Amino acid sequence: MEQKKGEELIRRLAAALRGTELYSPSHPLVQRGIDALTAAAVERLQTTPSIVIGFIGDECVVDSTRLPRGSASLIAFARDLRDRGIEKITLTRGLSRAEVGHLVAAFTDRTSPAPLPDRLLSRGVRNVTLGRIVVDEVSDEQVGITAARRVYGTAVETAETLWNAAKAGDQPDPGAARKIIDGLARLVTQDRTSLMALTALKKYDNYTFTHMVNVSALAMAQARALNIDGPLLREFGFAALMHDIGKVNTPLEVLNKPGKLTNDEFDVMKRHVVDGAHILRRTPEMPALAPIVAFEHHLRQDLSGYPEKIGSRKLNLCTMIVSIADVFDALRSNRPYREGMATVRIRSIMGEQGNPAFNQVLLKRFVNLMGLFPVGTLVRLTKGEIAVVTAEHRSDPFRPQVKIVVDRSDARLEEPVLANTWERDEHGDHPYAVIEAVDPDSTDIDPLTYL
């Protein structure tokens, strides 16, 4: 279905541009081509905040769908655009017929010395962006912890920019947020292990921004495990990224208070769900899911929690996924007023029988997805060695593969030792077994360097 819609959009784009080469701009055939292209694009933009059309070689890609090789005319069309420095066309929600007309006119005017993107801007076009494909997130060939670390670092920096814009009373930039989500979505699909390892770092100096990125990554990992992909996967990630944006209005002394909040302070804290929904609803090009998740993410399955007295409603699937990711990441992260918890302890808290906070089916799937000792976790073995988890056992979460980096005499190993804790020795015993997780911040070990 997505492929057919993508092919139809490309055909209409090619037809609209070809029409202006044969007829005058006012010719009925040209106008019908603009109408058809506008209708196809606007219909698709009702379900996604943006459409990205890319030209790679002689092939076309619409969002994440690579289209089959088209006719000779479509191949010539793709080559012509690339020759003119256009490898990517991005259409965003709010696109008007007038903007499509300006796009077509700009392409057919080969006399102007101004670059095509500048010509569109000069005509007031804001919902069409032209450019080159810059794969600075991660490509099929470039995966692994180094690439993942770069994507993650950029995402955290951009999250800070989004937060500061909202805190200053401005609207967070959806375009910048989409770039974060595109990079994280590729990692979720291509190298989830590295991304999950990065989210496990327990830093609190920039907790607000790492938490935004972590919740987005964890939510997309859950969604992907439910076979959600493409634009909807990115919309889940977008909503998760912005779920706590209302806290820009919450005083820091309330956010970071070490002890229990007073009733008045808790009332102030609870306002962030409504504030977040308001901020996101009035931000143009914001996915429809984002304000819903911001509003709902502290509601439990029985609608207790907050906001209160909202009447009868069914929680959105994205809300239920984000709630799990939000609490999990908050509990495992170090904060100024407490240390992060080990995964096994978090599982116990979140999985308490009868806990109405989470959808139990989704929670079980999340627990299975993350494992007891996720890849990248620093652990202590039975004889005192320190090791980094490098792979999980498919059926026994207690027995991962590890890379031993500190021996039982507390000496750092120059050459780490790879060990499968599920393997037995000649006596039938397990020579290695994990007894507990170790906080990397209590050591000088960076687990990621061993992945």
Protein backbone atom coordinates (compact mmCIF):
# COMPACT_ATOMS: atom_id res chain seq x y z
CA MET A 1 0.00 0.00 0.00
CA GLU A 2 2.76 2.47 0.97
CA GLN A 3 4.69 1.54 -2.17
CA LYS A 4 1.69 2.19 -4.41
CA LYS A 5 1.03 5.55 -2.77
CA GLY A 6 4.69 6.48 -3.16
CA GLU A 7 4.69 5.50 -6.83
CA GLU A 8 1.54 7.54 -7.42
CA LEU A 9 3.08 10.60 -5.76
CA ILE A 10 6.26 10.32 -7.86
CA ARG A 11 4.23 9.92 -11.06
CA ARG A 12 2.19 13.01 -10.30
CA LEU A 13 5.31 15.02 -9.46
CA ALA A 14 6.97 13.97 -12.71
CA ALA A 15 3.82 14.67 -14.70
CA ALA A 16 3.38 18.14 -13.19
CA LEU A 17 6.97 19.10 -14.00
CA ARG A 18 6.83 17.58 -17.47
CA GLY A 19 3.63 19.48 -18.28
CA THR A 20 5.27 22.86 -17.81
CA GLU A 21 8.00 21.92 -20.27
CA LEU A 22 5.37 21.32 -22.96
CA TYR A 23 2.77 23.99 -22.22
CA SER A 24 2.48 27.47 -20.77
CA PRO A 25 1.96 27.78 -16.99
CA SER A 26 -1.70 28.74 -17.46
CA HIS A 27 -2.52 25.78 -19.71
CA PRO A 28 -5.32 23.56 -18.31
CA LEU A 29 -3.12 20.47 -18.47
CA VAL A 30 -0.49 22.19 -16.32
CA GLN A 31 -3.12 23.34 -13.83
CA ARG A 32 -4.61 19.84 -13.64
CA GLY A 33 -1.12 18.45 -12.98
CA ILE A 34 -0.65 20.87 -10.09
CA ASP A 35 -4.09 19.96 -8.74
CA ALA A 36 -3.34 16.23 -8.90
CA LEU A 37 0.05 16.59 -7.21
CA THR A 38 -1.40 18.80 -4.47
CA ALA A 39 -4.24 16.36 -3.80
CA ALA A 40 -1.88 13.36 -3.53
CA ALA A 41 0.55 15.18 -1.24
CA VAL A 42 -2.09 16.73 1.04
CA GLU A 43 -3.86 13.39 1.42
CA ARG A 44 -0.63 11.71 2.52
CA LEU A 45 0.24 14.61 4.85
CA GLN A 46 -2.96 14.01 6.79
CA THR A 47 -1.37 10.89 8.30
CA THR A 48 2.26 12.02 8.51
CA PRO A 49 3.85 15.40 9.31
CA SER A 50 6.18 15.26 6.32
CA ILE A 51 7.00 13.43 3.09
CA VAL A 52 10.61 12.98 2.06
CA ILE A 53 11.21 12.14 -1.60
CA GLY A 54 14.80 11.12 -2.29
CA PHE A 55 16.67 10.25 -5.48
CA ILE A 56 19.44 7.69 -5.02
CA GLY A 57 21.14 6.76 -8.26
CA ASP A 58 18.31 6.12 -10.69
CA GLU A 59 15.92 5.08 -7.94
CA CYS A 60 13.33 6.97 -5.94
CA VAL A 61 12.66 6.65 -2.22
CA VAL A 62 9.51 8.01 -0.59
CA ASP A 63 9.98 8.24 3.18
CA SER A 64 11.46 4.84 4.07
CA THR A 65 10.06 3.01 1.03
CA ARG A 66 12.39 2.38 -1.88
CA LEU A 67 10.33 2.23 -5.07
CA PRO A 68 11.04 -0.30 -7.82
CA ARG A 69 12.85 1.01 -10.88
CA GLY A 70 10.38 2.95 -12.95
CA SER A 71 10.07 3.66 -16.63
CA ALA A 72 12.79 5.28 -18.71
CA SER A 73 11.02 8.63 -18.35
CA LEU A 74 11.05 8.40 -14.53
CA ILE A 75 14.72 7.42 -14.53
CA ALA A 76 15.45 10.45 -16.75
CA PHE A 77 13.39 12.57 -14.35
CA ALA A 78 15.45 11.42 -11.34
CA ARG A 79 18.71 12.05 -13.19
CA ASP A 80 17.59 15.53 -14.23
CA LEU A 81 16.86 16.48 -10.62
CA ARG A 82 20.21 15.16 -9.41
CA ASP A 83 22.01 17.03 -12.18
CA ARG A 84 20.42 20.20 -10.86
CA GLY A 85 21.65 19.47 -7.33
CA ILE A 86 18.31 18.21 -6.02
CA GLU A 87 18.51 14.83 -4.29
CA LYS A 88 15.73 15.35 -1.80
CA ILE A 89 12.35 17.07 -1.77
CA THR A 90 10.61 17.42 1.61
CA LEU A 91 6.93 18.33 1.75
CA THR A 92 5.51 19.23 5.16
CA ARG A 93 2.02 19.45 6.59
CA GLY A 94 0.35 22.74 5.70
CA LEU A 95 1.36 22.46 2.03
CA SER A 96 -0.88 24.59 -0.20
CA ARG A 97 -1.73 24.47 -3.88
CA ALA A 98 -0.01 27.82 -4.34
CA GLU A 99 3.22 26.38 -2.93
CA VAL A 100 3.01 23.40 -5.28
CA GLY A 101 2.53 25.86 -8.14
CA HIS A 102 5.63 27.79 -7.07
CA LEU A 103 7.58 24.52 -6.85
CA VAL A 104 6.63 23.57 -10.41
CA ALA A 105 7.35 27.08 -11.71
CA ALA A 106 10.76 27.18 -10.01
CA PHE A 107 11.79 23.88 -11.58
CA THR A 108 10.81 24.95 -15.08
CA ASP A 109 12.55 28.35 -14.91
CA ARG A 110 16.05 27.51 -16.13
CA THR A 111 17.04 31.14 -16.77
CA SER A 112 17.30 32.36 -13.17
CA PRO A 113 20.83 32.20 -11.71
CA ALA A 114 19.46 31.79 -8.18
CA PRO A 115 19.54 28.26 -6.69
CA LEU A 116 16.21 26.47 -6.63
CA PRO A 117 15.88 26.50 -2.81
CA ASP A 118 16.47 30.26 -2.74
CA ARG A 119 13.85 30.79 -5.42
CA LEU A 120 11.26 28.95 -3.36
CA LEU A 121 12.09 30.93 -0.23
CA SER A 122 11.82 34.20 -2.14
CA ARG A 123 8.29 33.21 -3.16
CA GLY A 124 7.26 32.56 0.43
CA VAL A 125 7.25 28.76 0.12
CA ARG A 126 7.75 27.26 3.58
CA ASN A 127 6.36 23.75 3.24
CA VAL A 128 8.67 22.58 0.45
CA THR A 129 12.39 22.07 1.08
CA LEU A 130 14.93 21.09 -1.56
CA GLY A 131 18.41 19.78 -0.87
CA ARG A 132 20.93 17.01 -0.99
CA ILE A 133 20.78 13.75 0.92
CA VAL A 134 23.19 13.98 3.83
CA VAL A 135 23.43 10.71 5.70
CA ASP A 136 25.03 11.98 8.86
CA GLU A 137 22.95 9.70 11.04
CA VAL A 138 23.76 6.14 10.03
CA SER A 139 23.92 4.24 6.75
CA ASP A 140 23.48 0.55 6.04
CA GLU A 141 27.25 0.10 5.99
CA GLN A 142 28.02 2.35 8.92
CA VAL A 143 26.59 0.80 12.06
CA GLY A 144 28.10 -0.07 15.42
CA ILE A 145 28.72 1.77 18.64
CA THR A 146 30.76 4.61 17.06
CA ALA A 147 28.01 5.54 14.61
CA ALA A 148 25.35 5.06 17.29
CA ARG A 149 27.24 7.28 19.73
CA ARG A 150 27.40 10.05 17.13
CA VAL A 151 23.67 9.85 16.42
CA TYR A 152 22.86 9.75 20.12
CA GLY A 153 25.12 12.71 20.93
CA THR A 154 23.58 14.83 18.18
CA ALA A 155 20.11 13.86 19.38
CA VAL A 156 20.85 14.96 22.95
CA GLU A 157 22.25 18.31 21.74
CA THR A 158 19.19 18.91 19.58
CA ALA A 159 16.86 17.92 22.42
CA GLU A 160 18.48 20.65 24.51
CA THR A 161 17.81 23.17 21.74
CA LEU A 162 14.15 22.11 21.55
CA TRP A 163 13.80 22.37 25.32
CA ASN A 164 15.41 25.81 25.53
CA ALA A 165 13.20 27.14 22.73
CA ALA A 166 10.07 26.01 24.59
CA LYS A 167 11.40 27.38 27.88
CA ALA A 168 11.94 30.78 26.24
CA GLY A 169 8.31 30.79 25.11
CA ASP A 170 9.10 29.96 21.49
CA GLN A 171 7.81 26.96 19.57
CA PRO A 172 10.14 23.93 19.45
CA ASP A 173 11.31 23.29 15.89
CA PRO A 174 9.53 20.18 14.50
CA GLY A 175 12.10 19.97 11.69
CA ALA A 176 14.95 19.60 14.17
CA ALA A 177 12.97 17.02 16.11
CA ARG A 178 12.27 15.03 12.94
CA LYS A 179 16.00 14.84 12.21
CA ILE A 180 16.55 13.30 15.66
CA ILE A 181 13.77 10.80 15.07
CA ASP A 182 15.02 9.82 11.62
CA GLY A 183 18.46 8.99 13.00
CA LEU A 184 17.11 7.07 16.00
CA ALA A 185 14.58 5.20 13.86
CA ARG A 186 17.36 3.99 11.57
CA LEU A 187 19.32 2.76 14.58
CA VAL A 188 16.27 1.02 16.05
CA THR A 189 15.95 -0.86 12.77
CA GLN A 190 19.63 -1.44 11.95
CA ASP A 191 21.51 -1.54 15.25
CA ARG A 192 19.15 -1.65 18.21
CA THR A 193 21.80 -3.26 20.43
CA SER A 194 24.16 -0.27 20.23
CA LEU A 195 21.35 2.22 20.74
CA MET A 196 19.99 0.39 23.80
CA ALA A 197 23.50 0.29 25.26
CA LEU A 198 23.77 4.07 24.90
CA THR A 199 20.45 4.66 26.63
CA ALA A 200 21.75 2.68 29.63
CA LEU A 201 24.39 5.29 30.56
CA LYS A 202 23.44 6.71 33.97
CA LYS A 203 24.36 10.37 33.61
CA TYR A 204 22.45 13.10 35.41
CA ASP A 205 24.34 16.27 34.45
CA ASN A 206 22.12 16.57 31.38
CA TYR A 207 19.39 14.17 32.51
CA THR A 208 16.53 16.18 31.05
CA PHE A 209 17.85 15.89 27.51
CA THR A 210 19.20 12.33 27.70
CA HIS A 211 15.84 11.30 29.18
CA MET A 212 14.02 12.82 26.20
CA VAL A 213 16.20 10.86 23.78
CA ASN A 214 16.15 7.66 25.84
CA VAL A 215 12.37 7.58 26.09
CA SER A 216 12.10 8.18 22.35
CA ALA A 217 14.54 5.34 21.58
CA LEU A 218 12.92 2.94 24.05
CA ALA A 219 9.45 3.75 22.75
CA MET A 220 10.48 3.17 19.14
CA ALA A 221 12.18 -0.11 20.08
CA GLN A 222 8.90 -1.27 21.63
CA ALA A 223 6.89 -0.07 18.65
CA ARG A 224 9.25 -1.77 16.21
CA ALA A 225 8.84 -5.02 18.15
CA LEU A 226 5.10 -4.65 17.51
CA ASN A 227 5.88 -4.43 13.76
CA ILE A 228 5.18 -0.68 13.66
CA ASP A 229 7.38 0.91 11.02
CA GLY A 230 7.69 3.83 8.60
CA PRO A 231 5.96 7.17 9.32
CA LEU A 232 3.98 5.78 12.27
CA LEU A 233 7.17 4.55 13.97
CA ARG A 234 8.62 8.03 13.64
CA GLU A 235 5.43 9.61 14.96
CA PHE A 236 5.68 7.38 18.06
CA GLY A 237 9.30 8.48 18.49
CA PHE A 238 8.38 12.13 18.02
CA ALA A 239 5.62 11.97 20.66
CA ALA A 240 7.94 10.17 23.07
CA LEU A 241 10.69 12.75 22.57
CA MET A 242 8.33 15.61 23.48
CA HIS A 243 6.33 13.88 26.22
CA ASP A 244 7.76 15.96 29.10
CA ILE A 245 8.07 19.31 27.30
CA GLY A 246 5.55 20.86 29.71
CA LYS A 247 8.19 20.67 32.45
CA VAL A 248 9.83 23.77 30.96
CA ASN A 249 7.29 25.63 33.13
CA THR A 250 8.02 23.59 36.29
CA PRO A 251 10.40 25.28 38.78
CA LEU A 252 13.74 23.49 39.16
CA GLU A 253 13.35 23.39 42.93
CA VAL A 254 10.29 21.22 42.39
CA LEU A 255 11.80 19.07 39.62
CA ASN A 256 14.97 18.31 41.59
CA LYS A 257 13.68 18.28 45.15
CA PRO A 258 15.40 15.44 47.04
CA GLY A 259 12.55 14.70 49.43
CA LYS A 260 8.86 14.06 49.02
CA LEU A 261 6.90 16.87 47.38
CA THR A 262 4.34 18.74 49.44
CA ASN A 263 0.75 18.73 48.18
CA ASP A 264 1.21 22.21 46.74
CA GLU A 265 4.47 21.22 45.04
CA PHE A 266 2.87 18.10 43.61
CA ASP A 267 0.04 20.22 42.21
CA VAL A 268 2.67 22.35 40.46
CA MET A 269 4.38 19.21 39.10
CA LYS A 270 1.10 17.79 37.78
CA ARG A 271 0.53 20.86 35.61
CA HIS A 272 3.27 19.79 33.18
CA VAL A 273 0.98 17.34 31.37
CA VAL A 274 -1.51 20.08 30.52
CA ASP A 275 1.23 22.62 29.78
CA GLY A 276 2.94 20.14 27.46
CA ALA A 277 -0.25 19.43 25.55
CA HIS A 278 -0.84 23.17 25.10
CA ILE A 279 2.72 23.81 23.86
CA LEU A 280 2.53 20.98 21.33
CA ARG A 281 -0.99 21.75 20.12
CA ARG A 282 -0.06 25.29 19.19
CA THR A 283 3.19 24.25 17.45
CA PRO A 284 2.71 23.98 13.66
CA GLU A 285 3.59 20.66 11.99
CA MET A 286 3.48 18.82 15.29
CA PRO A 287 2.25 15.22 14.89
CA ALA A 288 -1.23 14.71 16.32
CA LEU A 289 0.03 12.04 18.72
CA ALA A 290 2.44 14.37 20.50
CA PRO A 291 -0.04 16.47 22.56
CA ILE A 292 -2.11 13.34 23.32
CA VAL A 293 0.89 11.52 24.79
CA ALA A 294 2.05 14.62 26.68
CA PHE A 295 -1.41 14.85 28.25
CA GLU A 296 -1.89 11.14 29.01
CA HIS A 297 1.51 9.76 29.99
CA HIS A 298 0.91 9.93 33.77
CA LEU A 299 -2.49 8.27 33.55
CA ARG A 300 -2.70 4.66 34.65
CA GLN A 301 -4.70 1.90 33.03
CA ASP A 302 -7.61 2.58 35.40
CA LEU A 303 -7.31 6.34 34.62
CA SER A 304 -5.97 7.12 38.10
CA GLY A 305 -2.87 9.29 38.18
CA TYR A 306 -3.07 12.70 36.60
CA PRO A 307 -4.59 14.83 35.12
CA GLU A 308 -7.62 14.03 37.25
CA LYS A 309 -11.34 13.90 36.45
CA ILE A 310 -10.94 13.54 32.69
CA GLY A 311 -13.93 11.30 32.20
CA SER A 312 -13.98 8.00 30.37
CA ARG A 313 -11.37 7.40 27.72
CA LYS A 314 -9.13 4.69 26.29
CA LEU A 315 -5.42 5.36 26.54
CA ASN A 316 -3.56 5.61 23.26
CA LEU A 317 -1.19 2.74 22.43
CA CYS A 318 1.65 5.24 22.10
CA THR A 319 0.85 6.62 25.57
CA MET A 320 1.06 3.16 27.12
CA ILE A 321 4.40 2.47 25.42
CA VAL A 322 5.84 5.86 26.41
CA SER A 323 4.71 5.43 30.03
CA ILE A 324 6.72 2.21 30.30
CA ALA A 325 9.81 3.79 28.70
CA ASP A 326 9.47 6.93 30.85
CA VAL A 327 9.35 5.14 34.20
CA PHE A 328 12.02 2.58 33.26
CA ASP A 329 14.51 5.24 32.19
CA ALA A 330 13.76 7.46 35.19
CA LEU A 331 14.31 4.62 37.66
CA ARG A 332 17.60 3.46 36.16
CA SER A 333 19.08 6.98 35.82
CA ASN A 334 21.21 8.68 38.47
CA ARG A 335 19.66 11.85 39.80
CA PRO A 336 21.11 14.45 42.18
CA TYR A 337 18.87 13.05 44.95
CA ARG A 338 19.23 9.27 44.34
CA GLU A 339 21.21 6.66 42.46
CA GLY A 340 19.78 4.73 39.56
CA MET A 341 18.45 1.25 40.22
CA ALA A 342 19.60 -2.03 38.72
CA THR A 343 17.45 -3.50 35.95
CA VAL A 344 16.35 -6.45 38.08
CA ARG A 345 15.08 -4.09 40.80
CA ILE A 346 13.22 -1.96 38.27
CA ARG A 347 11.57 -5.05 36.81
CA SER A 348 10.36 -5.99 40.28
CA ILE A 349 8.89 -2.52 40.92
CA MET A 350 7.23 -2.12 37.54
CA GLY A 351 5.96 -5.69 37.44
CA GLU A 352 4.26 -5.73 40.85
CA GLN A 353 1.13 -7.84 40.61
CA GLY A 354 -1.97 -5.74 40.14
CA ASN A 355 0.03 -2.59 39.35
CA PRO A 356 -2.45 -0.46 37.36
CA ALA A 357 0.23 1.88 36.02
CA PHE A 358 1.11 -0.21 32.97
CA ASN A 359 -0.51 -2.37 30.37
CA GLN A 360 0.72 -5.77 31.52
CA VAL A 361 0.99 -7.29 28.05
CA LEU A 362 3.09 -4.40 26.80
CA LEU A 363 5.18 -4.45 30.00
CA LYS A 364 5.99 -8.16 29.55
CA ARG A 365 6.99 -7.53 25.96
CA PHE A 366 9.22 -4.67 27.09
CA VAL A 367 10.89 -6.81 29.75
CA ASN A 368 11.60 -9.48 27.16
CA LEU A 369 12.89 -6.85 24.75
CA MET A 370 15.33 -5.31 27.25
CA GLY A 371 16.45 -8.51 28.95
CA LEU A 372 17.57 -8.83 32.55
CA PHE A 373 21.10 -7.57 31.83
CA PRO A 374 20.90 -5.46 28.63
CA VAL A 375 23.89 -5.29 26.28
CA GLY A 376 26.33 -2.67 27.60
CA THR A 377 25.55 -3.37 31.25
CA LEU A 378 28.55 -3.56 33.58
CA VAL A 379 28.23 -6.65 35.83
CA ARG A 380 30.04 -8.43 38.64
CA LEU A 381 30.64 -12.17 38.36
CA THR A 382 30.64 -14.77 41.14
CA LYS A 383 34.42 -14.69 41.68
CA GLY A 384 34.61 -10.89 41.71
CA GLU A 385 35.45 -10.21 38.07
CA ILE A 386 33.93 -7.14 36.37
CA ALA A 387 32.55 -7.68 32.88
CA VAL A 388 30.55 -5.97 30.17
CA VAL A 389 27.48 -7.72 28.75
CA THR A 390 28.01 -8.16 25.01
CA ALA A 391 25.07 -10.41 24.08
CA GLU A 392 21.97 -11.86 25.67
CA HIS A 393 21.05 -15.53 25.85
CA ARG A 394 17.94 -16.22 23.79
CA SER A 395 16.14 -18.22 26.46
CA ASP A 396 17.96 -17.55 29.76
CA PRO A 397 18.17 -13.85 30.68
CA PHE A 398 20.35 -14.67 33.71
CA ARG A 399 23.19 -16.03 31.57
CA PRO A 400 24.44 -13.47 29.03
CA GLN A 401 27.66 -13.42 27.06
CA VAL A 402 30.18 -11.10 28.74
CA LYS A 403 33.58 -9.60 28.15
CA ILE A 404 35.66 -9.74 31.37
CA VAL A 405 37.63 -6.50 31.76
CA VAL A 406 38.72 -6.67 35.44
CA ASP A 407 39.97 -9.91 36.98
CA ARG A 408 39.22 -11.29 40.45
CA SER A 409 42.26 -9.47 41.92
CA ASP A 410 40.77 -6.17 40.71
CA ALA A 411 43.39 -5.73 37.95
CA ARG A 412 42.37 -4.28 34.60
CA LEU A 413 42.94 -6.79 31.78
CA GLU A 414 44.85 -5.57 28.74
CA GLU A 415 43.05 -8.17 26.65
CA PRO A 416 39.42 -8.67 27.75
CA VAL A 417 38.24 -12.29 28.02
CA LEU A 418 35.04 -13.28 26.24
CA ALA A 419 32.92 -15.72 28.26
CA ASN A 420 29.55 -17.36 27.71
CA THR A 421 28.07 -17.63 31.20
CA TRP A 422 25.69 -20.36 30.05
CA GLU A 423 28.54 -22.77 29.23
CA ARG A 424 29.57 -25.49 31.68
CA ASP A 425 33.05 -26.81 32.42
CA GLU A 426 34.18 -30.46 32.39
CA HIS A 427 32.58 -30.96 35.83
CA GLY A 428 29.21 -29.71 34.63
CA ASP A 429 29.49 -26.46 36.57
CA HIS A 430 29.16 -22.88 35.37
CA PRO A 431 32.58 -21.24 35.87
CA TYR A 432 31.09 -17.80 35.29
CA ALA A 433 27.80 -16.36 36.49
CA VAL A 434 26.45 -12.83 36.89
CA ILE A 435 25.51 -11.86 40.44
CA GLU A 436 24.72 -8.14 40.08
CA ALA A 437 24.88 -5.08 37.88
CA VAL A 438 27.56 -2.47 38.56
CA ASP A 439 27.12 1.25 38.10
CA PRO A 440 29.77 2.43 35.59
CA ASP A 441 29.94 5.78 37.39
CA SER A 442 31.39 3.98 40.43
CA THR A 443 34.30 2.79 38.28
CA ASP A 444 36.52 4.30 35.60
CA ILE A 445 35.18 1.82 33.03
CA ASP A 446 33.29 2.92 29.94
CA PRO A 447 31.33 -0.19 28.89
CA LEU A 448 30.76 1.16 25.39
CA THR A 449 34.46 0.92 24.53
CA TYR A 450 34.18 -2.86 24.81
CA LEU A 451 31.26 -3.27 22.41
